[in-house]
Each structure stands twice: as structure tokens, then as C-alpha cells.
Amino acid sequence: MATVFDSHIWLVWLGIALVLVAVEAATVDFVFLMLAGGALGGSVASALGAPFAVQAVVAAVVAVGLLFTVRPYLKRRFASRFDHHMGVSANLGRSAVVIDRVSDASGTVKLAGETWTARTAAGTIEPGEEVVVDRIDGATAVVSRVPAIDR
């Protein structure tokens, strides 16, 4: 018994590809995108009149080929464009401005648009001075003066 999809199986392959692209949008790991490429290969094979077994083989070969050739390239390109530091480690080395006098015991700085408690390892830094974050201890930024060369 023939179904409506027998003559339009390429649409099923295309639908599978679209679903895989949607899943890729949520994961951003380039695996589902390569599988979607394989489904597109199956869709093309179907549109050219290949039997289902050939379509499935084409989809698998294209997907595996993309996984081992295109995906590593995309991962390198994507990783090289973005700073992967998140959270506390993203603030290390950043400059900040002293709001309240910073000493070895207390103080506050404006860091990345937020007010942070701060302290310095040595000396006192007055309000308005620019500092650099050396490390983060809990919720406290340990800062030091920006070297005179950088000013």
C-alpha cells in the first residue's frame, strides 16, 4: 500500500534536517548540524530517485564525513573567536576604578559595571584611581595599582 510520502520521501529527509538544525541551535556543538547535513544528503538522493537504502547510506556517509572533516574546523574557528573565561576568572587582569579607599582590609571598586568589595596586598589606593584585578578571594577583588607605563 502506497503512502503519501512514497513519492515525496525527500520532504521527510528535509524535515529531519530541520529538526536537527533546531536541536543544534540549543546545543551549539556542531554534531547535530553535521547530522542535518547528512539528512540533506539523503534528501538529495531521494529527489534524484535513489531507493531508500541508498538514501540512508548517502545520509550516513555524508554525516560521518562532515563529523570528521568540517566539525573539527568549525570547532577551532568558533573557539578561537570567543573568550572562554566566565564568572570570576573573567575578571582577572581587568581594570577597575576605586570607589571607596582600598586598603589591605577593605574598600570598593567598580569592576565590569558592578560594585565589588576590594582590598590590596600592600598600601592604600584612593578613590578615582585605576586598578587591575590580581585575583578574586571569594567575593573580594584583590587589586593593585596600574603600572605607570600603562597609564
C-alpha atoms as a PDB file:
ATOM      1  CA  MET A   1       0.000   0.000   0.000  1.00  0.00           C
ATOM      2  CA  ALA A   2       1.471   3.322  -1.063  1.00  0.00           C
ATOM      3  CA  THR A   3       1.573   6.258   1.321  1.00  0.00           C
ATOM      4  CA  VAL A   4       1.654   9.949   0.588  1.00  0.00           C
ATOM      5  CA  PHE A   5       5.354  10.027   1.484  1.00  0.00           C
ATOM      6  CA  ASP A   6       6.437   7.360  -1.006  1.00  0.00           C
ATOM      7  CA  SER A   7       6.823   9.869  -3.808  1.00  0.00           C
ATOM      8  CA  HIS A   8       7.939  12.699  -1.514  1.00  0.00           C
ATOM      9  CA  ILE A   9      10.324  11.000   0.909  1.00  0.00           C
ATOM     10  CA  TRP A  10      12.781  13.821   0.243  1.00  0.00           C
ATOM     11  CA  LEU A  11      10.419  16.033   2.288  1.00  0.00           C
ATOM     12  CA  VAL A  12      10.767  13.655   5.236  1.00  0.00           C
ATOM     13  CA  TRP A  13      14.557  13.901   4.960  1.00  0.00           C
ATOM     14  CA  LEU A  14      14.245  17.684   4.788  1.00  0.00           C
ATOM     15  CA  GLY A  15      12.019  17.678   7.879  1.00  0.00           C
ATOM     16  CA  ILE A  16      14.564  15.587   9.739  1.00  0.00           C
ATOM     17  CA  ALA A  17      17.281  18.047   8.731  1.00  0.00           C
ATOM     18  CA  LEU A  18      15.239  20.979  10.046  1.00  0.00           C
ATOM     19  CA  VAL A  19      14.608  19.252  13.371  1.00  0.00           C
ATOM     20  CA  LEU A  20      18.327  18.508  13.691  1.00  0.00           C
ATOM     21  CA  VAL A  21      19.179  22.161  12.969  1.00  0.00           C
ATOM     22  CA  ALA A  22      16.751  23.210  15.711  1.00  0.00           C
ATOM     23  CA  VAL A  23      18.423  20.815  18.160  1.00  0.00           C
ATOM     24  CA  GLU A  24      21.813  22.216  17.097  1.00  0.00           C
ATOM     25  CA  ALA A  25      20.639  25.711  17.949  1.00  0.00           C
ATOM     26  CA  ALA A  26      20.158  24.535  21.522  1.00  0.00           C
ATOM     27  CA  THR A  27      23.418  22.594  21.841  1.00  0.00           C
ATOM     28  CA  VAL A  28      25.893  24.560  19.667  1.00  0.00           C
ATOM     29  CA  ASP A  29      28.304  21.646  19.465  1.00  0.00           C
ATOM     30  CA  PHE A  30      28.142  21.176  15.683  1.00  0.00           C
ATOM     31  CA  VAL A  31      27.195  17.479  15.957  1.00  0.00           C
ATOM     32  CA  PHE A  32      23.532  17.864  15.081  1.00  0.00           C
ATOM     33  CA  LEU A  33      24.443  20.307  12.323  1.00  0.00           C
ATOM     34  CA  MET A  34      26.600  17.618  10.700  1.00  0.00           C
ATOM     35  CA  LEU A  35      23.783  15.091  11.077  1.00  0.00           C
ATOM     36  CA  ALA A  36      21.458  17.616   9.429  1.00  0.00           C
ATOM     37  CA  GLY A  37      23.930  17.783   6.550  1.00  0.00           C
ATOM     38  CA  GLY A  38      23.654  14.018   6.260  1.00  0.00           C
ATOM     39  CA  ALA A  39      19.849  14.275   6.195  1.00  0.00           C
ATOM     40  CA  LEU A  40      20.152  16.838   3.402  1.00  0.00           C
ATOM     41  CA  GLY A  41      22.320  14.365   1.511  1.00  0.00           C
ATOM     42  CA  GLY A  42      19.591  11.753   1.936  1.00  0.00           C
ATOM     43  CA  SER A  43      17.042  14.291   0.719  1.00  0.00           C
ATOM     44  CA  VAL A  44      19.054  14.992  -2.430  1.00  0.00           C
ATOM     45  CA  ALA A  45      19.480  11.259  -3.074  1.00  0.00           C
ATOM     46  CA  SER A  46      15.731  10.814  -2.693  1.00  0.00           C
ATOM     47  CA  ALA A  47      14.955  13.713  -5.025  1.00  0.00           C
ATOM     48  CA  LEU A  48      17.229  12.095  -7.621  1.00  0.00           C
ATOM     49  CA  GLY A  49      15.209   8.877  -7.383  1.00  0.00           C
ATOM     50  CA  ALA A  50      17.549   6.660  -5.350  1.00  0.00           C
ATOM     51  CA  PRO A  51      15.996   3.788  -3.404  1.00  0.00           C
ATOM     52  CA  PHE A  52      15.636   4.212   0.360  1.00  0.00           C
ATOM     53  CA  ALA A  53      18.641   2.002   1.170  1.00  0.00           C
ATOM     54  CA  VAL A  54      20.872   4.213  -0.988  1.00  0.00           C
ATOM     55  CA  GLN A  55      19.376   7.326   0.606  1.00  0.00           C
ATOM     56  CA  ALA A  56      20.210   6.027   4.071  1.00  0.00           C
ATOM     57  CA  VAL A  57      23.776   5.135   3.041  1.00  0.00           C
ATOM     58  CA  VAL A  58      24.270   8.583   1.469  1.00  0.00           C
ATOM     59  CA  ALA A  59      22.913  10.266   4.627  1.00  0.00           C
ATOM     60  CA  ALA A  60      25.234   8.216   6.848  1.00  0.00           C
ATOM     61  CA  VAL A  61      28.327   8.745   4.696  1.00  0.00           C
ATOM     62  CA  VAL A  62      27.725  12.496   4.394  1.00  0.00           C
ATOM     63  CA  ALA A  63      27.079  12.848   8.146  1.00  0.00           C
ATOM     64  CA  VAL A  64      30.192  10.885   9.124  1.00  0.00           C
ATOM     65  CA  GLY A  65      32.265  12.762   6.545  1.00  0.00           C
ATOM     66  CA  LEU A  66      31.082  16.103   7.915  1.00  0.00           C
ATOM     67  CA  LEU A  67      31.675  14.987  11.518  1.00  0.00           C
ATOM     68  CA  PHE A  68      35.293  14.129  10.805  1.00  0.00           C
ATOM     69  CA  THR A  69      36.178  16.932   8.381  1.00  0.00           C
ATOM     70  CA  VAL A  70      34.027  20.036   8.791  1.00  0.00           C
ATOM     71  CA  ARG A  71      33.163  19.815  12.505  1.00  0.00           C
ATOM     72  CA  PRO A  72      36.785  19.970  13.793  1.00  0.00           C
ATOM     73  CA  TYR A  73      37.405  23.010  11.602  1.00  0.00           C
ATOM     74  CA  LEU A  74      34.252  24.745  12.863  1.00  0.00           C
ATOM     75  CA  LYS A  75      35.110  23.933  16.483  1.00  0.00           C
ATOM     76  CA  ARG A  76      38.568  25.506  16.091  1.00  0.00           C
ATOM     77  CA  ARG A  77      37.180  28.603  14.389  1.00  0.00           C
ATOM     78  CA  PHE A  78      34.407  29.024  16.929  1.00  0.00           C
ATOM     79  CA  ALA A  79      36.704  28.511  19.931  1.00  0.00           C
ATOM     80  CA  SER A  80      39.322  30.964  18.662  1.00  0.00           C
ATOM     81  CA  ARG A  81      36.823  33.828  18.370  1.00  0.00           C
ATOM     82  CA  PHE A  82      35.445  33.776  21.881  1.00  0.00           C
ATOM     83  CA  ASP A  83      36.987  34.255  25.281  1.00  0.00           C
ATOM     84  CA  HIS A  84      36.004  31.204  27.294  1.00  0.00           C
ATOM     85  CA  HIS A  85      36.593  32.793  30.675  1.00  0.00           C
ATOM     86  CA  MET A  86      33.361  33.021  32.563  1.00  0.00           C
ATOM     87  CA  GLY A  87      32.376  34.045  36.038  1.00  0.00           C
ATOM     88  CA  VAL A  88      35.124  35.037  38.418  1.00  0.00           C
ATOM     89  CA  SER A  89      38.013  34.097  36.106  1.00  0.00           C
ATOM     90  CA  ALA A  90      36.730  36.568  33.503  1.00  0.00           C
ATOM     91  CA  ASN A  91      37.635  39.427  35.862  1.00  0.00           C
ATOM     92  CA  LEU A  92      41.287  38.524  36.355  1.00  0.00           C
ATOM     93  CA  GLY A  93      43.509  41.161  34.775  1.00  0.00           C
ATOM     94  CA  ARG A  94      40.608  43.549  34.211  1.00  0.00           C
ATOM     95  CA  SER A  95      40.859  47.162  35.156  1.00  0.00           C
ATOM     96  CA  ALA A  96      38.570  48.707  37.745  1.00  0.00           C
ATOM     97  CA  VAL A  97      38.083  52.127  39.328  1.00  0.00           C
ATOM     98  CA  VAL A  98      38.320  52.674  43.074  1.00  0.00           C
ATOM     99  CA  ILE A  99      35.050  53.957  44.590  1.00  0.00           C
ATOM    100  CA  ASP A 100      35.974  53.910  48.302  1.00  0.00           C
ATOM    101  CA  ARG A 101      39.564  53.885  49.554  1.00  0.00           C
ATOM    102  CA  VAL A 102      41.055  50.413  49.134  1.00  0.00           C
ATOM    103  CA  SER A 103      43.427  49.162  51.812  1.00  0.00           C
ATOM    104  CA  ASP A 104      44.702  45.768  52.860  1.00  0.00           C
ATOM    105  CA  ALA A 105      41.493  45.362  54.872  1.00  0.00           C
ATOM    106  CA  SER A 106      38.628  46.888  52.883  1.00  0.00           C
ATOM    107  CA  GLY A 107      37.384  49.096  50.068  1.00  0.00           C
ATOM    108  CA  THR A 108      35.176  49.032  46.990  1.00  0.00           C
ATOM    109  CA  VAL A 109      35.809  49.207  43.261  1.00  0.00           C
ATOM    110  CA  LYS A 110      33.672  49.456  40.136  1.00  0.00           C
ATOM    111  CA  LEU A 111      34.523  46.318  38.159  1.00  0.00           C
ATOM    112  CA  ALA A 112      32.762  45.421  34.888  1.00  0.00           C
ATOM    113  CA  GLY A 113      29.864  47.707  35.771  1.00  0.00           C
ATOM    114  CA  GLU A 114      29.397  46.205  39.241  1.00  0.00           C
ATOM    115  CA  THR A 115      30.468  47.336  42.684  1.00  0.00           C
ATOM    116  CA  TRP A 116      32.851  44.855  44.297  1.00  0.00           C
ATOM    117  CA  THR A 117      34.420  44.758  47.721  1.00  0.00           C
ATOM    118  CA  ALA A 118      38.143  45.023  47.295  1.00  0.00           C
ATOM    119  CA  ARG A 119      41.440  45.014  49.108  1.00  0.00           C
ATOM    120  CA  THR A 120      45.038  45.432  48.138  1.00  0.00           C
ATOM    121  CA  ALA A 121      48.056  43.372  49.064  1.00  0.00           C
ATOM    122  CA  ALA A 122      50.046  46.454  50.014  1.00  0.00           C
ATOM    123  CA  GLY A 123      49.383  50.133  50.551  1.00  0.00           C
ATOM    124  CA  THR A 124      46.275  52.238  50.118  1.00  0.00           C
ATOM    125  CA  ILE A 125      44.625  53.297  46.872  1.00  0.00           C
ATOM    126  CA  GLU A 126      42.464  56.407  46.776  1.00  0.00           C
ATOM    127  CA  PRO A 127      39.050  56.860  45.090  1.00  0.00           C
ATOM    128  CA  GLY A 128      39.152  57.574  41.360  1.00  0.00           C
ATOM    129  CA  GLU A 129      42.399  55.662  40.774  1.00  0.00           C
ATOM    130  CA  GLU A 130      42.505  52.887  38.217  1.00  0.00           C
ATOM    131  CA  VAL A 131      43.488  49.436  39.451  1.00  0.00           C
ATOM    132  CA  VAL A 132      43.900  45.985  37.980  1.00  0.00           C
ATOM    133  CA  VAL A 133      42.420  42.787  39.436  1.00  0.00           C
ATOM    134  CA  ASP A 134      45.164  40.385  40.524  1.00  0.00           C
ATOM    135  CA  ARG A 135      42.906  37.682  41.956  1.00  0.00           C
ATOM    136  CA  ILE A 136      39.482  37.075  43.426  1.00  0.00           C
ATOM    137  CA  ASP A 137      39.152  35.836  47.007  1.00  0.00           C
ATOM    138  CA  GLY A 138      35.543  34.775  47.484  1.00  0.00           C
ATOM    139  CA  ALA A 139      33.559  37.928  46.711  1.00  0.00           C
ATOM    140  CA  THR A 140      36.525  40.280  47.163  1.00  0.00           C
ATOM    141  CA  ALA A 141      38.720  41.544  44.347  1.00  0.00           C
ATOM    142  CA  VAL A 142      42.379  41.788  45.268  1.00  0.00           C
ATOM    143  CA  VAL A 143      43.694  44.728  43.266  1.00  0.00           C
ATOM    144  CA  SER A 144      46.882  46.642  42.624  1.00  0.00           C
ATOM    145  CA  ARG A 145      47.732  49.959  41.025  1.00  0.00           C
ATOM    146  CA  VAL A 146      48.004  50.083  37.250  1.00  0.00           C
ATOM    147  CA  PRO A 147      51.719  50.415  36.432  1.00  0.00           C
ATOM    148  CA  ALA A 148      52.717  53.961  35.383  1.00  0.00           C
ATOM    149  CA  ILE A 149      53.696  52.717  31.895  1.00  0.00           C
ATOM    150  CA  ASP A 150      50.100  51.650  31.143  1.00  0.00           C
ATOM    151  CA  ARG A 151      48.523  54.963  32.166  1.00  0.00           C
END
